[in-house]
Structure formats: C-alpha cells, structure tokens
C-alpha cells in the first residue's frame, strides 16, 4: 500500500528522510561524519556514503564543502 501511495518503498522514503536530516547537520554543524551518520540511523559509514551519494550526487564531505562555500 505504501509503495502505491508514495511511488517508493518504505526503505527509500526512510533513507530520503535520513539523508535530508544528514544534509541539515552537515550544513549547520561541525559534527563529525561518524556522529552524523549514527544520529541519522545508519550503522555503517560505507552504506551511509552510498545512500547519501545516490540521493544527493555528492559524498558527505563534498556536500559539506559545497554548502559551506555558498555561505
């Protein structure tokens, strides 16, 4: 039912929500990438990096650098 209503699986939706939160933390804090991926519900840095890049097109470090340049 969820997939029909949202046109994505629960896991895809959850990952999008988690990555959106990670993006906010990367942009607004100086917390380590490790602290951020753990706070966002990921258990492994490699999986976090893979999901992050698939959604944003950038690595977490690259994303942080790009949003900090804009300020």
Protein backbone atom coordinates (compact mmCIF):
# COMPACT_ATOMS: atom_id res chain seq x y z
CA UNK A 1 0.00 0.00 0.00
CA UNK A 2 2.79 2.42 0.90
CA UNK A 3 4.56 1.93 -2.42
CA UNK A 4 1.38 2.50 -4.39
CA UNK A 5 0.58 5.67 -2.46
CA UNK A 6 4.09 7.16 -2.37
CA UNK A 7 5.58 5.60 -5.52
CA UNK A 8 8.59 4.44 -3.47
CA UNK A 9 9.31 1.77 -0.91
CA UNK A 10 9.37 2.44 2.82
CA UNK A 11 13.15 1.97 2.81
CA UNK A 12 13.58 4.51 0.00
CA UNK A 13 11.38 7.00 1.84
CA UNK A 14 13.14 6.45 5.15
CA UNK A 15 16.55 6.88 3.52
CA UNK A 16 15.41 10.16 1.92
CA UNK A 17 14.26 11.47 5.31
CA UNK A 18 17.51 10.35 6.97
CA UNK A 19 19.66 11.93 4.26
CA UNK A 20 17.71 15.19 4.44
CA UNK A 21 18.46 15.30 8.17
CA UNK A 22 22.12 14.49 7.49
CA UNK A 23 22.28 17.34 4.98
CA UNK A 24 20.99 19.78 7.59
CA UNK A 25 23.55 18.56 10.12
CA UNK A 26 26.40 18.71 7.60
CA UNK A 27 25.47 22.27 6.66
CA UNK A 28 24.76 23.63 10.11
CA UNK A 29 27.13 21.84 12.49
CA UNK A 30 30.77 20.85 12.81
CA UNK A 31 29.88 17.35 13.99
CA UNK A 32 31.93 14.54 12.55
CA UNK A 33 30.56 12.48 9.67
CA UNK A 34 30.56 9.48 12.02
CA UNK A 35 28.40 11.25 14.59
CA UNK A 36 26.06 12.42 11.86
CA UNK A 37 25.50 9.05 10.21
CA UNK A 38 24.90 7.43 13.58
CA UNK A 39 22.43 10.18 14.58
CA UNK A 40 20.59 9.68 11.30
CA UNK A 41 20.04 5.97 11.87
CA UNK A 42 22.80 4.44 9.76
CA UNK A 43 25.05 1.78 11.27
CA UNK A 44 27.81 1.66 8.66
CA UNK A 45 29.69 4.55 7.11
CA UNK A 46 30.01 2.80 3.75
CA UNK A 47 26.25 2.31 3.46
CA UNK A 48 25.62 5.89 4.57
CA UNK A 49 28.06 7.18 1.94
CA UNK A 50 26.47 5.02 -0.77
CA UNK A 51 22.92 6.13 0.05
CA UNK A 52 23.99 9.76 0.51
CA UNK A 53 25.68 9.85 -2.90
CA UNK A 54 22.77 8.11 -4.62
CA UNK A 55 20.36 10.75 -3.31
CA UNK A 56 22.47 13.92 -3.44
CA UNK A 57 25.03 13.10 -6.12
CA UNK A 58 27.85 14.02 -3.74
CA UNK A 59 29.81 12.45 -0.93
CA UNK A 60 29.02 13.71 2.58
CA UNK A 61 32.36 15.54 2.74
CA UNK A 62 31.88 17.05 -0.70
CA UNK A 63 28.37 18.16 0.24
CA UNK A 64 29.60 19.85 3.42
CA UNK A 65 32.31 21.69 1.50
CA UNK A 66 29.90 22.83 -1.22
CA UNK A 67 27.28 24.23 1.16
CA UNK A 68 29.89 25.96 3.28
CA UNK A 69 31.31 27.74 0.21
CA UNK A 70 27.89 29.22 -0.53
CA UNK A 71 27.68 30.97 2.84
